Amino acid sequence: MTNPHKGRTGLDRIRHAAGYSLQGLTSAYLGESAFRQETWLAVMLVPLAFWVGQTWIETALLAGSVVMVLIVELLNSAVEATVDRISFELHELAKRAKDFGSAAVFLSLAVTGAIWAAALWHRFIA
């Protein structure tokens, strides 16, 4: 059985995929307060990464870690939306799925914080 929504190819597929991605980013920004907060953090930190980073590798790690938080938050929001689509009923598996997504966001924030702390230490203190 083939998916009737998978018939596009070439530039038409790329154009539609870009549109769906923009819709996803817009929906996440408007509907998820955590994503909105992390977006504004990224707006401030990504440009700052070019000043704090002393090499292109440091800059890439600083900026990339911030973007990683946004990616993980989007995946967490997708898990939450899927679980909520299935049922709002309290269920142990639904709780586990949502907790796993939350833990992934927490770990991405912790890694980002550690990378930024190390870079700031290296740049201004060491």
C-alpha atoms as a PDB file:
ATOM      1  CA  MET A   1       0.000   0.000   0.000  1.00  0.00           C
ATOM      2  CA  THR A   2       1.446   3.375  -0.977  1.00  0.00           C
ATOM      3  CA  ASN A   3       0.893   6.655   0.764  1.00  0.00           C
ATOM      4  CA  PRO A   4      -1.089   9.039  -1.489  1.00  0.00           C
ATOM      5  CA  HIS A   5       0.660  12.005   0.144  1.00  0.00           C
ATOM      6  CA  LYS A   6       4.103  10.847  -0.988  1.00  0.00           C
ATOM      7  CA  GLY A   7       3.658  11.495  -4.721  1.00  0.00           C
ATOM      8  CA  ARG A   8       5.646  14.712  -5.025  1.00  0.00           C
ATOM      9  CA  THR A   9       9.186  14.706  -6.361  1.00  0.00           C
ATOM     10  CA  GLY A  10      11.933  17.154  -7.194  1.00  0.00           C
ATOM     11  CA  LEU A  11      11.532  20.857  -6.524  1.00  0.00           C
ATOM     12  CA  ASP A  12       7.802  20.473  -5.854  1.00  0.00           C
ATOM     13  CA  ARG A  13       8.574  18.120  -2.947  1.00  0.00           C
ATOM     14  CA  ILE A  14      11.232  20.474  -1.577  1.00  0.00           C
ATOM     15  CA  ARG A  15       8.864  23.460  -1.789  1.00  0.00           C
ATOM     16  CA  HIS A  16       6.099  21.619   0.042  1.00  0.00           C
ATOM     17  CA  ALA A  17       8.513  20.220   2.655  1.00  0.00           C
ATOM     18  CA  ALA A  18       9.819  23.736   3.349  1.00  0.00           C
ATOM     19  CA  GLY A  19       6.245  24.942   3.773  1.00  0.00           C
ATOM     20  CA  TYR A  20       5.441  22.147   6.223  1.00  0.00           C
ATOM     21  CA  SER A  21       8.608  22.941   8.175  1.00  0.00           C
ATOM     22  CA  LEU A  22       7.680  26.624   8.379  1.00  0.00           C
ATOM     23  CA  GLN A  23       4.185  25.652   9.546  1.00  0.00           C
ATOM     24  CA  GLY A  24       5.746  23.448  12.235  1.00  0.00           C
ATOM     25  CA  LEU A  25       8.060  26.198  13.458  1.00  0.00           C
ATOM     26  CA  THR A  26       5.197  28.708  13.504  1.00  0.00           C
ATOM     27  CA  SER A  27       2.900  26.299  15.334  1.00  0.00           C
ATOM     28  CA  ALA A  28       5.594  25.488  17.901  1.00  0.00           C
ATOM     29  CA  TYR A  29       6.343  29.167  18.481  1.00  0.00           C
ATOM     30  CA  LEU A  30       2.693  30.139  18.872  1.00  0.00           C
ATOM     31  CA  GLY A  31       1.562  27.072  20.810  1.00  0.00           C
ATOM     32  CA  GLU A  32       4.504  26.032  22.987  1.00  0.00           C
ATOM     33  CA  SER A  33       5.735  28.494  25.600  1.00  0.00           C
ATOM     34  CA  ALA A  34       8.935  26.501  26.221  1.00  0.00           C
ATOM     35  CA  PHE A  35       9.798  26.664  22.508  1.00  0.00           C
ATOM     36  CA  ARG A  36       9.080  30.408  22.514  1.00  0.00           C
ATOM     37  CA  GLN A  37      11.406  30.951  25.488  1.00  0.00           C
ATOM     38  CA  GLU A  38      14.142  28.827  23.924  1.00  0.00           C
ATOM     39  CA  THR A  39      13.734  30.658  20.617  1.00  0.00           C
ATOM     40  CA  TRP A  40      14.408  34.006  22.299  1.00  0.00           C
ATOM     41  CA  LEU A  41      17.346  32.482  24.136  1.00  0.00           C
ATOM     42  CA  ALA A  42      18.677  31.333  20.752  1.00  0.00           C
ATOM     43  CA  VAL A  43      18.132  34.786  19.243  1.00  0.00           C
ATOM     44  CA  MET A  44      20.449  36.160  21.916  1.00  0.00           C
ATOM     45  CA  LEU A  45      22.988  33.326  22.216  1.00  0.00           C
ATOM     46  CA  VAL A  46      23.644  32.367  18.585  1.00  0.00           C
ATOM     47  CA  PRO A  47      25.028  35.810  17.649  1.00  0.00           C
ATOM     48  CA  LEU A  48      26.908  35.897  20.960  1.00  0.00           C
ATOM     49  CA  ALA A  49      28.537  32.578  19.998  1.00  0.00           C
ATOM     50  CA  PHE A  50      30.433  34.382  17.238  1.00  0.00           C
ATOM     51  CA  TRP A  51      31.935  36.719  19.822  1.00  0.00           C
ATOM     52  CA  VAL A  52      32.628  34.165  22.581  1.00  0.00           C
ATOM     53  CA  GLY A  53      34.003  31.454  20.300  1.00  0.00           C
ATOM     54  CA  GLN A  54      37.689  31.931  19.563  1.00  0.00           C
ATOM     55  CA  THR A  55      37.828  29.318  16.784  1.00  0.00           C
ATOM     56  CA  TRP A  56      35.269  28.152  14.274  1.00  0.00           C
ATOM     57  CA  ILE A  57      34.950  24.888  16.229  1.00  0.00           C
ATOM     58  CA  GLU A  58      34.112  26.728  19.455  1.00  0.00           C
ATOM     59  CA  THR A  59      31.653  28.937  17.615  1.00  0.00           C
ATOM     60  CA  ALA A  60      30.009  25.901  16.008  1.00  0.00           C
ATOM     61  CA  LEU A  61      29.732  24.122  19.366  1.00  0.00           C
ATOM     62  CA  LEU A  62      28.251  27.174  21.069  1.00  0.00           C
ATOM     63  CA  ALA A  63      25.712  27.940  18.337  1.00  0.00           C
ATOM     64  CA  GLY A  64      25.030  24.283  17.544  1.00  0.00           C
ATOM     65  CA  SER A  65      24.277  23.413  21.151  1.00  0.00           C
ATOM     66  CA  VAL A  66      21.657  26.170  21.284  1.00  0.00           C
ATOM     67  CA  VAL A  67      20.046  24.982  18.045  1.00  0.00           C
ATOM     68  CA  MET A  68      20.125  21.420  19.439  1.00  0.00           C
ATOM     69  CA  VAL A  69      17.871  22.568  22.302  1.00  0.00           C
ATOM     70  CA  LEU A  70      15.319  23.853  19.777  1.00  0.00           C
ATOM     71  CA  ILE A  71      15.450  20.569  17.860  1.00  0.00           C
ATOM     72  CA  VAL A  72      14.961  18.466  20.984  1.00  0.00           C
ATOM     73  CA  GLU A  73      12.110  20.728  22.119  1.00  0.00           C
ATOM     74  CA  LEU A  74      10.394  20.248  18.749  1.00  0.00           C
ATOM     75  CA  LEU A  75      10.727  16.467  19.062  1.00  0.00           C
ATOM     76  CA  ASN A  76       9.403  16.610  22.633  1.00  0.00           C
ATOM     77  CA  SER A  77       6.427  18.663  21.460  1.00  0.00           C
ATOM     78  CA  ALA A  78       5.777  16.119  18.699  1.00  0.00           C
ATOM     79  CA  VAL A  79       5.732  13.280  21.250  1.00  0.00           C
ATOM     80  CA  GLU A  80       3.385  15.240  23.500  1.00  0.00           C
ATOM     81  CA  ALA A  81       1.033  16.072  20.616  1.00  0.00           C
ATOM     82  CA  THR A  82       0.957  12.431  19.520  1.00  0.00           C
ATOM     83  CA  VAL A  83       0.222  11.182  23.036  1.00  0.00           C
ATOM     84  CA  ASP A  84      -2.515  13.802  23.457  1.00  0.00           C
ATOM     85  CA  ARG A  85      -3.970  12.863  20.052  1.00  0.00           C
ATOM     86  CA  ILE A  86      -4.346   9.282  21.204  1.00  0.00           C
ATOM     87  CA  SER A  87      -5.940  10.118  24.552  1.00  0.00           C
ATOM     88  CA  PHE A  88      -6.000  12.634  27.388  1.00  0.00           C
ATOM     89  CA  GLU A  89      -6.589   9.727  29.771  1.00  0.00           C
ATOM     90  CA  LEU A  90      -3.892   9.317  32.405  1.00  0.00           C
ATOM     91  CA  HIS A  91      -1.857   6.252  31.491  1.00  0.00           C
ATOM     92  CA  GLU A  92       1.534   5.030  32.662  1.00  0.00           C
ATOM     93  CA  LEU A  93       2.899   4.652  29.102  1.00  0.00           C
ATOM     94  CA  ALA A  94       1.724   8.159  28.144  1.00  0.00           C
ATOM     95  CA  LYS A  95       3.406   9.529  31.263  1.00  0.00           C
ATOM     96  CA  ARG A  96       6.622   7.690  30.457  1.00  0.00           C
ATOM     97  CA  ALA A  97       6.636   8.994  26.866  1.00  0.00           C
ATOM     98  CA  LYS A  98       6.145  12.578  28.026  1.00  0.00           C
ATOM     99  CA  ASP A  99       8.698  12.213  30.826  1.00  0.00           C
ATOM    100  CA  PHE A 100      11.270  10.802  28.370  1.00  0.00           C
ATOM    101  CA  GLY A 101      10.741  13.814  26.106  1.00  0.00           C
ATOM    102  CA  SER A 102      11.085  16.186  29.036  1.00  0.00           C
ATOM    103  CA  ALA A 103      14.273  14.424  30.155  1.00  0.00           C
ATOM    104  CA  ALA A 104      15.700  14.786  26.637  1.00  0.00           C
ATOM    105  CA  VAL A 105      15.047  18.546  26.734  1.00  0.00           C
ATOM    106  CA  PHE A 106      16.637  18.755  30.193  1.00  0.00           C
ATOM    107  CA  LEU A 107      19.763  16.914  29.009  1.00  0.00           C
ATOM    108  CA  SER A 108      20.068  19.122  25.928  1.00  0.00           C
ATOM    109  CA  LEU A 109      19.848  22.209  28.145  1.00  0.00           C
ATOM    110  CA  ALA A 110      22.447  20.745  30.527  1.00  0.00           C
ATOM    111  CA  VAL A 111      24.864  20.011  27.661  1.00  0.00           C
ATOM    112  CA  THR A 112      24.341  23.517  26.271  1.00  0.00           C
ATOM    113  CA  GLY A 113      24.940  25.046  29.690  1.00  0.00           C
ATOM    114  CA  ALA A 114      28.136  23.027  30.141  1.00  0.00           C
ATOM    115  CA  ILE A 115      29.457  23.992  26.694  1.00  0.00           C
ATOM    116  CA  TRP A 116      28.739  27.680  27.320  1.00  0.00           C
ATOM    117  CA  ALA A 117      30.224  27.580  30.826  1.00  0.00           C
ATOM    118  CA  ALA A 118      33.405  25.957  29.527  1.00  0.00           C
ATOM    119  CA  ALA A 119      33.733  28.430  26.670  1.00  0.00           C
ATOM    120  CA  LEU A 120      33.114  31.427  28.909  1.00  0.00           C
ATOM    121  CA  TRP A 121      35.622  30.085  31.452  1.00  0.00           C
ATOM    122  CA  HIS A 122      38.209  29.528  28.730  1.00  0.00           C
ATOM    123  CA  ARG A 123      37.631  32.955  27.179  1.00  0.00           C
ATOM    124  CA  PHE A 124      37.465  35.161  30.281  1.00  0.00           C
ATOM    125  CA  ILE A 125      38.952  33.353  33.286  1.00  0.00           C
ATOM    126  CA  ALA A 126      41.544  30.763  32.254  1.00  0.00           C
END
